[in-house]
Amino acid sequence: MRRLIFAGFALSLTACATVPPIDSSTLPPPPPPPPMGPISDVVYNCADGTRFSVYFHENAATVTLADGTRLELPQQRVASGMHYATPRHDFRGKGTEATWTVGRMVPTQCRAN
């Protein structure tokens, strides 16, 4: 009886040892990550008294002014930091510091709360 149990155990070990290793190059690629949703909603206070919130999306930012006006600013190419703009509105910055420009008005420096 002991021989039969030992033979069965040895046979199962031998069977496990003959399984070839997995070649990761033959596995299908992992699924892509889910699309990025809205990133955050940040309130900015500016040196000239302007206050607005910015809701960052994947390729744009929605700026909501104090009077409730909403502006959709497409993301612009930038080497570092952030830049969103339309022909009339420009929002750019890095970290908590930003500059807000409307038309030909003097840009104002802003800071995130």
PDB file of N, CA and C in Angstrom:
ATOM      1  N   MET A   1       0.831  -1.194   0.000  1.00  0.00           N
ATOM      2  CA  MET A   1       0.000   0.000   0.000  1.00  0.00           C
ATOM      3  C   MET A   1       0.865   1.243   0.000  1.00  0.00           C
ATOM      4  N   ARG A   2       1.946   1.224   0.803  1.00  0.00           N
ATOM      5  CA  ARG A   2       2.828   2.378   0.840  1.00  0.00           C
ATOM      6  C   ARG A   2       3.480   2.618  -0.514  1.00  0.00           C
ATOM      7  N   ARG A   3       3.837   1.564  -1.198  1.00  0.00           N
ATOM      8  CA  ARG A   3       4.454   1.709  -2.509  1.00  0.00           C
ATOM      9  C   ARG A   3       3.496   2.364  -3.490  1.00  0.00           C
ATOM     10  N   LEU A   4       2.253   2.024  -3.425  1.00  0.00           N
ATOM     11  CA  LEU A   4       1.260   2.584  -4.336  1.00  0.00           C
ATOM     12  C   LEU A   4       1.084   4.083  -4.079  1.00  0.00           C
ATOM     13  N   ILE A   5       1.010   4.483  -2.822  1.00  0.00           N
ATOM     14  CA  ILE A   5       0.875   5.901  -2.489  1.00  0.00           C
ATOM     15  C   ILE A   5       2.124   6.658  -2.920  1.00  0.00           C
ATOM     16  N   PHE A   6       3.322   6.101  -2.618  1.00  0.00           N
ATOM     17  CA  PHE A   6       4.564   6.759  -2.992  1.00  0.00           C
ATOM     18  C   PHE A   6       4.684   6.857  -4.510  1.00  0.00           C
ATOM     19  N   ALA A   7       4.289   5.824  -5.227  1.00  0.00           N
ATOM     20  CA  ALA A   7       4.359   5.828  -6.693  1.00  0.00           C
ATOM     21  C   ALA A   7       3.421   6.892  -7.251  1.00  0.00           C
ATOM     22  N   GLY A   8       2.234   7.031  -6.675  1.00  0.00           N
ATOM     23  CA  GLY A   8       1.289   8.058  -7.131  1.00  0.00           C
ATOM     24  C   GLY A   8       1.831   9.457  -6.877  1.00  0.00           C
ATOM     25  N   PHE A   9       2.473   9.671  -5.722  1.00  0.00           N
ATOM     26  CA  PHE A   9       3.051  10.961  -5.377  1.00  0.00           C
ATOM     27  C   PHE A   9       4.197  11.299  -6.340  1.00  0.00           C
ATOM     28  N   ALA A  10       5.057  10.302  -6.595  1.00  0.00           N
ATOM     29  CA  ALA A  10       6.180  10.511  -7.513  1.00  0.00           C
ATOM     30  C   ALA A  10       5.677  10.798  -8.914  1.00  0.00           C
ATOM     31  N   LEU A  11       4.632  10.120  -9.339  1.00  0.00           N
ATOM     32  CA  LEU A  11       4.061  10.343 -10.663  1.00  0.00           C
ATOM     33  C   LEU A  11       3.503  11.751 -10.778  1.00  0.00           C
ATOM     34  N   SER A  12       2.814  12.244  -9.742  1.00  0.00           N
ATOM     35  CA  SER A  12       2.257  13.591  -9.792  1.00  0.00           C
ATOM     36  C   SER A  12       3.376  14.642  -9.801  1.00  0.00           C
ATOM     37  N   LEU A  13       4.468  14.408  -9.075  1.00  0.00           N
ATOM     38  CA  LEU A  13       5.601  15.332  -9.118  1.00  0.00           C
ATOM     39  C   LEU A  13       6.242  15.356 -10.491  1.00  0.00           C
ATOM     40  N   THR A  14       6.368  14.195 -11.108  1.00  0.00           N
ATOM     41  CA  THR A  14       6.952  14.113 -12.438  1.00  0.00           C
ATOM     42  C   THR A  14       6.077  14.847 -13.440  1.00  0.00           C
ATOM     43  N   ALA A  15       4.781  14.733 -13.312  1.00  0.00           N
ATOM     44  CA  ALA A  15       3.864  15.403 -14.230  1.00  0.00           C
ATOM     45  C   ALA A  15       3.990  16.916 -14.103  1.00  0.00           C
ATOM     46  N   CYS A  16       4.167  17.420 -12.895  1.00  0.00           N
ATOM     47  CA  CYS A  16       4.321  18.853 -12.690  1.00  0.00           C
ATOM     48  C   CYS A  16       5.629  19.354 -13.268  1.00  0.00           C
ATOM     49  N   ALA A  17       6.660  18.529 -13.181  1.00  0.00           N
ATOM     50  CA  ALA A  17       7.977  18.954 -13.641  1.00  0.00           C
ATOM     51  C   ALA A  17       8.051  19.041 -15.158  1.00  0.00           C
ATOM     52  N   THR A  18       7.145  18.390 -15.874  1.00  0.00           N
ATOM     53  CA  THR A  18       7.226  18.390 -17.334  1.00  0.00           C
ATOM     54  C   THR A  18       6.421  19.519 -17.981  1.00  0.00           C
ATOM     55  N   VAL A  19       5.783  20.378 -17.212  1.00  0.00           N
ATOM     56  CA  VAL A  19       5.027  21.490 -17.778  1.00  0.00           C
ATOM     57  C   VAL A  19       6.018  22.535 -18.273  1.00  0.00           C
ATOM     58  N   PRO A  20       5.930  22.916 -19.553  1.00  0.00           N
ATOM     59  CA  PRO A  20       6.895  23.886 -20.075  1.00  0.00           C
ATOM     60  C   PRO A  20       6.663  25.268 -19.467  1.00  0.00           C
ATOM     61  N   PRO A  21       7.715  26.068 -19.338  1.00  0.00           N
ATOM     62  CA  PRO A  21       7.541  27.418 -18.795  1.00  0.00           C
ATOM     63  C   PRO A  21       6.707  28.275 -19.747  1.00  0.00           C
ATOM     64  N   ILE A  22       6.068  29.273 -19.197  1.00  0.00           N
ATOM     65  CA  ILE A  22       5.230  30.172 -20.001  1.00  0.00           C
ATOM     66  C   ILE A  22       6.128  31.161 -20.723  1.00  0.00           C
ATOM     67  N   ASP A  23       5.935  31.276 -22.025  1.00  0.00           N
ATOM     68  CA  ASP A  23       6.674  32.247 -22.834  1.00  0.00           C
ATOM     69  C   ASP A  23       5.838  33.525 -22.886  1.00  0.00           C
ATOM     70  N   SER A  24       6.273  34.562 -22.172  1.00  0.00           N
ATOM     71  CA  SER A  24       5.475  35.790 -22.073  1.00  0.00           C
ATOM     72  C   SER A  24       5.321  36.497 -23.409  1.00  0.00           C
ATOM     73  N   SER A  25       6.197  36.189 -24.383  1.00  0.00           N
ATOM     74  CA  SER A  25       6.068  36.848 -25.689  1.00  0.00           C
ATOM     75  C   SER A  25       4.875  36.318 -26.477  1.00  0.00           C
ATOM     76  N   THR A  26       4.339  35.163 -26.070  1.00  0.00           N
ATOM     77  CA  THR A  26       3.183  34.615 -26.777  1.00  0.00           C
ATOM     78  C   THR A  26       1.862  35.018 -26.137  1.00  0.00           C
ATOM     79  N   LEU A  27       1.924  35.683 -24.976  1.00  0.00           N
ATOM     80  CA  LEU A  27       0.694  36.106 -24.309  1.00  0.00           C
ATOM     81  C   LEU A  27       0.104  37.323 -25.019  1.00  0.00           C
ATOM     82  N   PRO A  28      -1.201  37.463 -25.021  1.00  0.00           N
ATOM     83  CA  PRO A  28      -1.793  38.657 -25.627  1.00  0.00           C
ATOM     84  C   PRO A  28      -1.434  39.887 -24.798  1.00  0.00           C
ATOM     85  N   PRO A  29      -1.379  41.062 -25.440  1.00  0.00           N
ATOM     86  CA  PRO A  29      -1.043  42.262 -24.672  1.00  0.00           C
ATOM     87  C   PRO A  29      -2.137  42.567 -23.661  1.00  0.00           C
ATOM     88  N   PRO A  30      -1.782  43.245 -22.559  1.00  0.00           N
ATOM     89  CA  PRO A  30      -2.806  43.584 -21.564  1.00  0.00           C
ATOM     90  C   PRO A  30      -3.779  44.597 -22.149  1.00  0.00           C
ATOM     91  N   PRO A  31      -4.994  44.647 -21.628  1.00  0.00           N
ATOM     92  CA  PRO A  31      -5.956  45.614 -22.156  1.00  0.00           C
ATOM     93  C   PRO A  31      -5.482  47.039 -21.878  1.00  0.00           C
ATOM     94  N   PRO A  32      -5.861  48.000 -22.735  1.00  0.00           N
ATOM     95  CA  PRO A  32      -5.442  49.378 -22.492  1.00  0.00           C
ATOM     96  C   PRO A  32      -6.098  49.910 -21.226  1.00  0.00           C
ATOM     97  N   PRO A  33      -5.483  50.913 -20.579  1.00  0.00           N
ATOM     98  CA  PRO A  33      -6.104  51.475 -19.385  1.00  0.00           C
ATOM     99  C   PRO A  33      -7.400  52.176 -19.747  1.00  0.00           C
ATOM    100  N   PRO A  34      -8.330  52.293 -18.813  1.00  0.00           N
ATOM    101  CA  PRO A  34      -9.586  52.966 -19.123  1.00  0.00           C
ATOM    102  C   PRO A  34      -9.312  54.436 -19.441  1.00  0.00           C
ATOM    103  N   PRO A  35     -10.185  55.070 -20.236  1.00  0.00           N
ATOM    104  CA  PRO A  35      -9.972  56.478 -20.547  1.00  0.00           C
ATOM    105  C   PRO A  35      -9.922  57.312 -19.273  1.00  0.00           C
ATOM    106  N   MET A  36      -9.059  58.307 -19.300  1.00  0.00           N
ATOM    107  CA  MET A  36      -8.903  59.148 -18.124  1.00  0.00           C
ATOM    108  C   MET A  36     -10.104  60.069 -18.001  1.00  0.00           C
ATOM    109  N   GLY A  37     -10.678  60.125 -16.836  1.00  0.00           N
ATOM    110  CA  GLY A  37     -11.820  60.995 -16.590  1.00  0.00           C
ATOM    111  C   GLY A  37     -11.360  62.358 -16.110  1.00  0.00           C
ATOM    112  N   PRO A  38     -12.285  63.145 -15.618  1.00  0.00           N
ATOM    113  CA  PRO A  38     -11.902  64.450 -15.086  1.00  0.00           C
ATOM    114  C   PRO A  38     -10.845  64.301 -14.000  1.00  0.00           C
ATOM    115  N   ILE A  39      -9.888  65.209 -13.993  1.00  0.00           N
ATOM    116  CA  ILE A  39      -8.782  65.110 -13.057  1.00  0.00           C
ATOM    117  C   ILE A  39      -9.089  65.814 -11.751  1.00  0.00           C
ATOM    118  N   SER A  40      -9.460  67.072 -11.808  1.00  0.00           N
ATOM    119  CA  SER A  40      -9.703  67.772 -10.554  1.00  0.00           C
ATOM    120  C   SER A  40     -10.419  69.090 -10.795  1.00  0.00           C
ATOM    121  N   ASP A  41     -10.887  69.678  -9.714  1.00  0.00           N
ATOM    122  CA  ASP A  41     -11.547  70.982  -9.726  1.00  0.00           C
ATOM    123  C   ASP A  41     -10.754  71.854  -8.760  1.00  0.00           C
ATOM    124  N   VAL A  42     -10.158  72.938  -9.260  1.00  0.00           N
ATOM    125  CA  VAL A  42      -9.277  73.770  -8.454  1.00  0.00           C
ATOM    126  C   VAL A  42      -9.754  75.214  -8.495  1.00  0.00           C
ATOM    127  N   VAL A  43      -9.744  75.883  -7.336  1.00  0.00           N
ATOM    128  CA  VAL A  43     -10.113  77.303  -7.250  1.00  0.00           C
ATOM    129  C   VAL A  43      -8.843  78.139  -7.273  1.00  0.00           C
ATOM    130  N   TYR A  44      -8.853  79.186  -8.107  1.00  0.00           N
ATOM    131  CA  TYR A  44      -7.712  80.101  -8.218  1.00  0.00           C
ATOM    132  C   TYR A  44      -8.127  81.491  -7.761  1.00  0.00           C
ATOM    133  N   ASN A  45      -7.239  82.145  -7.008  1.00  0.00           N
ATOM    134  CA  ASN A  45      -7.386  83.543  -6.609  1.00  0.00           C
ATOM    135  C   ASN A  45      -6.246  84.308  -7.270  1.00  0.00           C
ATOM    136  N   CYS A  46      -6.587  85.433  -7.926  1.00  0.00           N
ATOM    137  CA  CYS A  46      -5.597  86.183  -8.680  1.00  0.00           C
ATOM    138  C   CYS A  46      -5.269  87.519  -8.023  1.00  0.00           C
ATOM    139  N   ALA A  47      -4.124  88.078  -8.384  1.00  0.00           N
ATOM    140  CA  ALA A  47      -3.627  89.325  -7.807  1.00  0.00           C
ATOM    141  C   ALA A  47      -4.566  90.496  -8.063  1.00  0.00           C
ATOM    142  N   ASP A  48      -5.307  90.476  -9.189  1.00  0.00           N
ATOM    143  CA  ASP A  48      -6.223  91.582  -9.501  1.00  0.00           C
ATOM    144  C   ASP A  48      -7.611  91.390  -8.893  1.00  0.00           C
ATOM    145  N   GLY A  49      -7.785  90.359  -8.060  1.00  0.00           N
ATOM    146  CA  GLY A  49      -9.074  90.107  -7.417  1.00  0.00           C
ATOM    147  C   GLY A  49      -9.949  89.099  -8.143  1.00  0.00           C
ATOM    148  N   THR A  50      -9.537  88.681  -9.318  1.00  0.00           N
ATOM    149  CA  THR A  50     -10.294  87.674 -10.070  1.00  0.00           C
ATOM    150  C   THR A  50     -10.253  86.350  -9.316  1.00  0.00           C
ATOM    151  N   ARG A  51     -11.391  85.667  -9.314  1.00  0.00           N
ATOM    152  CA  ARG A  51     -11.499  84.343  -8.680  1.00  0.00           C
ATOM    153  C   ARG A  51     -12.272  83.449  -9.631  1.00  0.00           C
ATOM    154  N   PHE A  52     -11.774  82.255  -9.857  1.00  0.00           N
ATOM    155  CA  PHE A  52     -12.455  81.305 -10.743  1.00  0.00           C
ATOM    156  C   PHE A  52     -12.046  79.890 -10.370  1.00  0.00           C
ATOM    157  N   SER A  53     -12.827  78.930 -10.846  1.00  0.00           N
ATOM    158  CA  SER A  53     -12.471  77.523 -10.644  1.00  0.00           C
ATOM    159  C   SER A  53     -12.157  76.898 -11.992  1.00  0.00           C
ATOM    160  N   VAL A  54     -11.296  75.923 -11.965  1.00  0.00           N
ATOM    161  CA  VAL A  54     -10.901  75.213 -13.180  1.00  0.00           C
ATOM    162  C   VAL A  54     -11.144  73.730 -12.958  1.00  0.00           C
ATOM    163  N   TYR A  55     -11.869  73.135 -13.885  1.00  0.00           N
ATOM    164  CA  TYR A  55     -12.147  71.704 -13.869  1.00  0.00           C
ATOM    165  C   TYR A  55     -11.333  71.091 -14.995  1.00  0.00           C
ATOM    166  N   PHE A  56     -10.296  70.348 -14.647  1.00  0.00           N
ATOM    167  CA  PHE A  56      -9.378  69.792 -15.636  1.00  0.00           C
ATOM    168  C   PHE A  56      -9.910  68.478 -16.190  1.00  0.00           C
ATOM    169  N   HIS A  57      -9.914  68.373 -17.513  1.00  0.00           N
ATOM    170  CA  HIS A  57     -10.298  67.155 -18.218  1.00  0.00           C
ATOM    171  C   HIS A  57      -9.070  66.614 -18.928  1.00  0.00           C
ATOM    172  N   GLU A  58      -9.251  65.562 -19.687  1.00  0.00           N
ATOM    173  CA  GLU A  58      -8.129  64.938 -20.392  1.00  0.00           C
ATOM    174  C   GLU A  58      -7.487  65.896 -21.394  1.00  0.00           C
ATOM    175  N   ASN A  59      -8.250  66.595 -22.210  1.00  0.00           N
ATOM    176  CA  ASN A  59      -7.691  67.464 -23.245  1.00  0.00           C
ATOM    177  C   ASN A  59      -8.208  68.893 -23.177  1.00  0.00           C
ATOM    178  N   ALA A  60      -8.805  69.274 -22.078  1.00  0.00           N
ATOM    179  CA  ALA A  60      -9.377  70.613 -21.957  1.00  0.00           C
ATOM    180  C   ALA A  60      -9.543  70.969 -20.484  1.00  0.00           C
ATOM    181  N   ALA A  61      -9.878  72.228 -20.261  1.00  0.00           N
ATOM    182  CA  ALA A  61     -10.177  72.700 -18.911  1.00  0.00           C
ATOM    183  C   ALA A  61     -11.414  73.579 -18.998  1.00  0.00           C
ATOM    184  N   THR A  62     -12.349  73.399 -18.074  1.00  0.00           N
ATOM    185  CA  THR A  62     -13.527  74.245 -17.992  1.00  0.00           C
ATOM    186  C   THR A  62     -13.281  75.265 -16.894  1.00  0.00           C
ATOM    187  N   VAL A  63     -13.251  76.541 -17.288  1.00  0.00           N
ATOM    188  CA  VAL A  63     -13.050  77.632 -16.342  1.00  0.00           C
ATOM    189  C   VAL A  63     -14.415  78.208 -16.012  1.00  0.00           C
ATOM    190  N   THR A  64     -14.762  78.265 -14.732  1.00  0.00           N
ATOM    191  CA  THR A  64     -16.018  78.863 -14.295  1.00  0.00           C
ATOM    192  C   THR A  64     -15.682  80.150 -13.552  1.00  0.00           C
ATOM    193  N   LEU A  65     -16.114  81.276 -14.133  1.00  0.00           N
ATOM    194  CA  LEU A  65     -15.850  82.584 -13.545  1.00  0.00           C
ATOM    195  C   LEU A  65     -16.803  82.848 -12.386  1.00  0.00           C
ATOM    196  N   ALA A  66     -16.519  83.878 -11.603  1.00  0.00           N
ATOM    197  CA  ALA A  66     -17.322  84.216 -10.421  1.00  0.00           C
ATOM    198  C   ALA A  66     -18.780  84.497 -10.770  1.00  0.00           C
ATOM    199  N   ASP A  67     -19.039  85.025 -11.990  1.00  0.00           N
ATOM    200  CA  ASP A  67     -20.424  85.325 -12.391  1.00  0.00           C
ATOM    201  C   ASP A  67     -21.152  84.109 -12.959  1.00  0.00           C
ATOM    202  N   GLY A  68     -20.502  82.942 -12.958  1.00  0.00           N
ATOM    203  CA  GLY A  68     -21.126  81.718 -13.450  1.00  0.00           C
ATOM    204  C   GLY A  68     -20.818  81.393 -14.898  1.00  0.00           C
ATOM    205  N   THR A  69     -20.162  82.294 -15.603  1.00  0.00           N
ATOM    206  CA  THR A  69     -19.787  82.040 -17.003  1.00  0.00           C
ATOM    207  C   THR A  69     -18.823  80.866 -17.067  1.00  0.00           C
ATOM    208  N   ARG A  70     -19.095  79.946 -17.991  1.00  0.00           N
ATOM    209  CA  ARG A  70     -18.223  78.784 -18.178  1.00  0.00           C
ATOM    210  C   ARG A  70     -17.513  78.894 -19.514  1.00  0.00           C
ATOM    211  N   LEU A  71     -16.220  78.680 -19.483  1.00  0.00           N
ATOM    212  CA  LEU A  71     -15.389  78.735 -20.677  1.00  0.00           C
ATOM    213  C   LEU A  71     -14.686  77.397 -20.857  1.00  0.00           C
ATOM    214  N   GLU A  72     -14.753  76.849 -22.045  1.00  0.00           N
ATOM    215  CA  GLU A  72     -14.063  75.595 -22.355  1.00  0.00           C
ATOM    216  C   GLU A  72     -12.773  75.949 -23.085  1.00  0.00           C
ATOM    217  N   LEU A  73     -11.634  75.694 -22.452  1.00  0.00           N
ATOM    218  CA  LEU A  73     -10.330  76.011 -23.023  1.00  0.00           C
ATOM    219  C   LEU A  73      -9.625  74.720 -23.429  1.00  0.00           C
ATOM    220  N   PRO A  74      -9.350  74.539 -24.727  1.00  0.00           N
ATOM    221  CA  PRO A  74      -8.622  73.347 -25.162  1.00  0.00           C
ATOM    222  C   PRO A  74      -7.182  73.355 -24.651  1.00  0.00           C
ATOM    223  N   GLN A  75      -6.658  72.176 -24.391  1.00  0.00           N
ATOM    224  CA  GLN A  75      -5.282  72.048 -23.928  1.00  0.00           C
ATOM    225  C   GLN A  75      -4.334  72.398 -25.072  1.00  0.00           C
ATOM    226  N   GLN A  76      -3.271  73.123 -24.750  1.00  0.00           N
ATOM    227  CA  GLN A  76      -2.256  73.522 -25.716  1.00  0.00           C
ATOM    228  C   GLN A  76      -0.969  72.760 -25.429  1.00  0.00           C
ATOM    229  N   ARG A  77      -0.152  72.628 -26.444  1.00  0.00           N
ATOM    230  CA  ARG A  77       1.137  71.966 -26.271  1.00  0.00           C
ATOM    231  C   ARG A  77       2.058  72.847 -25.443  1.00  0.00           C
ATOM    232  N   VAL A  78       2.755  72.229 -24.507  1.00  0.00           N
ATOM    233  CA  VAL A  78       3.663  72.961 -23.638  1.00  0.00           C
ATOM    234  C   VAL A  78       4.784  72.019 -23.206  1.00  0.00           C
ATOM    235  N   ALA A  79       5.981  72.555 -23.061  1.00  0.00           N
ATOM    236  CA  ALA A  79       7.122  71.732 -22.664  1.00  0.00           C
ATOM    237  C   ALA A  79       7.026  71.316 -21.203  1.00  0.00           C
ATOM    238  N   SER A  80       6.451  72.188 -20.376  1.00  0.00           N
ATOM    239  CA  SER A  80       6.376  71.909 -18.950  1.00  0.00           C
ATOM    240  C   SER A  80       5.187  72.663 -18.373  1.00  0.00           C
ATOM    241  N   GLY A  81       4.515  72.088 -17.405  1.00  0.00           N
ATOM    242  CA  GLY A  81       3.377  72.751 -16.780  1.00  0.00           C
ATOM    243  C   GLY A  81       2.091  72.511 -17.545  1.00  0.00           C
ATOM    244  N   MET A  82       1.228  73.536 -17.546  1.00  0.00           N
ATOM    245  CA  MET A  82      -0.080  73.410 -18.199  1.00  0.00           C
ATOM    246  C   MET A  82      -0.357  74.663 -19.028  1.00  0.00           C
ATOM    247  N   HIS A  83      -1.142  74.498 -20.072  1.00  0.00           N
ATOM    248  CA  HIS A  83      -1.537  75.632 -20.908  1.00  0.00           C
ATOM    249  C   HIS A  83      -2.853  75.280 -21.596  1.00  0.00           C
ATOM    250  N   TYR A  84      -3.858  76.114 -21.351  1.00  0.00           N
ATOM    251  CA  TYR A  84      -5.182  75.966 -21.953  1.00  0.00           C
ATOM    252  C   TYR A  84      -5.547  77.324 -22.530  1.00  0.00           C
ATOM    253  N   ALA A  85      -6.101  77.348 -23.743  1.00  0.00           N
ATOM    254  CA  ALA A  85      -6.374  78.650 -24.343  1.00  0.00           C
ATOM    255  C   ALA A  85      -7.411  78.581 -25.446  1.00  0.00           C
ATOM    256  N   THR A  86      -8.074  79.726 -25.640  1.00  0.00           N
ATOM    257  CA  THR A  86      -8.895  80.017 -26.806  1.00  0.00           C
ATOM    258  C   THR A  86      -8.289  81.287 -27.396  1.00  0.00           C
ATOM    259  N   PRO A  87      -8.792  81.775 -28.518  1.00  0.00           N
ATOM    260  CA  PRO A  87      -8.235  83.031 -29.035  1.00  0.00           C
ATOM    261  C   PRO A  87      -8.362  84.210 -28.045  1.00  0.00           C
ATOM    262  N   ARG A  88      -9.327  84.170 -27.132  1.00  0.00           N
ATOM    263  CA  ARG A  88      -9.538  85.286 -26.202  1.00  0.00           C
ATOM    264  C   ARG A  88      -9.049  85.034 -24.779  1.00  0.00           C
ATOM    265  N   HIS A  89      -9.011  83.789 -24.342  1.00  0.00           N
ATOM    266  CA  HIS A  89      -8.659  83.453 -22.952  1.00  0.00           C
ATOM    267  C   HIS A  89      -7.427  82.556 -22.924  1.00  0.00           C
ATOM    268  N   ASP A  90      -6.539  82.821 -21.960  1.00  0.00           N
ATOM    269  CA  ASP A  90      -5.314  82.044 -21.843  1.00  0.00           C
ATOM    270  C   ASP A  90      -5.056  81.738 -20.364  1.00  0.00           C
ATOM    271  N   PHE A  91      -4.879  80.465 -20.066  1.00  0.00           N
ATOM    272  CA  PHE A  91      -4.604  80.013 -18.703  1.00  0.00           C
ATOM    273  C   PHE A  91      -3.396  79.096 -18.780  1.00  0.00           C
ATOM    274  N   ARG A  92      -2.326  79.470 -18.072  1.00  0.00           N
ATOM    275  CA  ARG A  92      -1.117  78.647 -18.077  1.00  0.00           C
ATOM    276  C   ARG A  92      -0.446  78.708 -16.725  1.00  0.00           C
ATOM    277  N   GLY A  93       0.312  77.674 -16.414  1.00  0.00           N
ATOM    278  CA  GLY A  93       0.995  77.672 -15.135  1.00  0.00           C
ATOM    279  C   GLY A  93       1.711  76.381 -14.860  1.00  0.00           C
ATOM    280  N   LYS A  94       2.203  76.294 -13.634  1.00  0.00           N
ATOM    281  CA  LYS A  94       2.916  75.104 -13.188  1.00  0.00           C
ATOM    282  C   LYS A  94       2.723  74.997 -11.683  1.00  0.00           C
ATOM    283  N   GLY A  95       2.359  73.819 -11.228  1.00  0.00           N
ATOM    284  CA  GLY A  95       2.104  73.627  -9.802  1.00  0.00           C
ATOM    285  C   GLY A  95       0.893  74.443  -9.373  1.00  0.00           C
ATOM    286  N   THR A  96       1.029  75.223  -8.310  1.00  0.00           N
ATOM    287  CA  THR A  96      -0.090  76.034  -7.820  1.00  0.00           C
ATOM    288  C   THR A  96      -0.092  77.441  -8.408  1.00  0.00           C
ATOM    289  N   GLU A  97       0.933  77.801  -9.157  1.00  0.00           N
ATOM    290  CA  GLU A  97       1.047  79.141  -9.754  1.00  0.00           C
ATOM    291  C   GLU A  97       0.491  79.131 -11.175  1.00  0.00           C
ATOM    292  N   ALA A  98      -0.236  80.199 -11.545  1.00  0.00           N
ATOM    293  CA  ALA A  98      -0.814  80.279 -12.886  1.00  0.00           C
ATOM    294  C   ALA A  98      -0.913  81.735 -13.324  1.00  0.00           C
ATOM    295  N   THR A  99      -1.078  81.919 -14.625  1.00  0.00           N
ATOM    296  CA  THR A  99      -1.308  83.242 -15.205  1.00  0.00           C
ATOM    297  C   THR A  99      -2.601  83.182 -15.988  1.00  0.00           C
ATOM    298  N   TRP A 100      -3.459  84.179 -15.802  1.00  0.00           N
ATOM    299  CA  TRP A 100      -4.766  84.261 -16.469  1.00  0.00           C
ATOM    300  C   TRP A 100      -4.775  85.527 -17.315  1.00  0.00           C
ATOM    301  N   THR A 101      -5.092  85.366 -18.603  1.00  0.00           N
ATOM    302  CA  THR A 101      -5.135  86.507 -19.515  1.00  0.00           C
ATOM    303  C   THR A 101      -6.455  86.492 -20.256  1.00  0.00           C
ATOM    304  N   VAL A 102      -7.097  87.655 -20.333  1.00  0.00           N
ATOM    305  CA  VAL A 102      -8.343  87.816 -21.089  1.00  0.00           C
ATOM    306  C   VAL A 102      -8.087  88.892 -22.141  1.00  0.00           C
ATOM    307  N   GLY A 103      -8.209  88.502 -23.405  1.00  0.00           N
ATOM    308  CA  GLY A 103      -8.026  89.453 -24.502  1.00  0.00           C
ATOM    309  C   GLY A 103      -6.690  90.169 -24.411  1.00  0.00           C
ATOM    310  N   ARG A 104      -6.749  91.510 -24.546  1.00  0.00           N
ATOM    311  CA  ARG A 104      -5.523  92.324 -24.507  1.00  0.00           C
ATOM    312  C   ARG A 104      -5.227  92.891 -23.119  1.00  0.00           C
ATOM    313  N   MET A 105      -5.974  92.441 -22.145  1.00  0.00           N
ATOM    314  CA  MET A 105      -5.745  92.913 -20.772  1.00  0.00           C
ATOM    315  C   MET A 105      -4.402  92.407 -20.260  1.00  0.00           C
ATOM    316  N   VAL A 106      -3.866  93.077 -19.270  1.00  0.00           N
ATOM    317  CA  VAL A 106      -2.608  92.664 -18.654  1.00  0.00           C
ATOM    318  C   VAL A 106      -2.828  91.328 -17.945  1.00  0.00           C
ATOM    319  N   PRO A 107      -1.940  90.351 -18.172  1.00  0.00           N
ATOM    320  CA  PRO A 107      -2.076  89.072 -17.479  1.00  0.00           C
ATOM    321  C   PRO A 107      -2.013  89.258 -15.966  1.00  0.00           C
ATOM    322  N   THR A 108      -2.750  88.443 -15.244  1.00  0.00           N
ATOM    323  CA  THR A 108      -2.722  88.502 -13.789  1.00  0.00           C
ATOM    324  C   THR A 108      -2.202  87.181 -13.229  1.00  0.00           C
ATOM    325  N   GLN A 109      -1.442  87.279 -12.168  1.00  0.00           N
ATOM    326  CA  GLN A 109      -0.880  86.104 -11.515  1.00  0.00           C
ATOM    327  C   GLN A 109      -1.898  85.516 -10.547  1.00  0.00           C
ATOM    328  N   CYS A 110      -2.024  84.206 -10.580  1.00  0.00           N
ATOM    329  CA  CYS A 110      -3.024  83.517  -9.767  1.00  0.00           C
ATOM    330  C   CYS A 110      -2.367  82.375  -8.991  1.00  0.00           C
ATOM    331  N   ARG A 111      -3.066  81.979  -7.942  1.00  0.00           N
ATOM    332  CA  ARG A 111      -2.581  80.879  -7.105  1.00  0.00           C
ATOM    333  C   ARG A 111      -3.744  79.973  -6.747  1.00  0.00           C
ATOM    334  N   ALA A 112      -3.508  78.681  -6.819  1.00  0.00           N
ATOM    335  CA  ALA A 112      -4.535  77.698  -6.442  1.00  0.00           C
ATOM    336  C   ALA A 112      -4.686  77.665  -4.942  1.00  0.00           C
ATOM    337  N   ASN A 113      -5.924  77.489  -4.474  1.00  0.00           N
ATOM    338  CA  ASN A 113      -6.185  77.358  -3.032  1.00  0.00           C
ATOM    339  C   ASN A 113      -5.821  75.974  -2.567  1.00  0.00           C
TER     340      ASN A 113
END
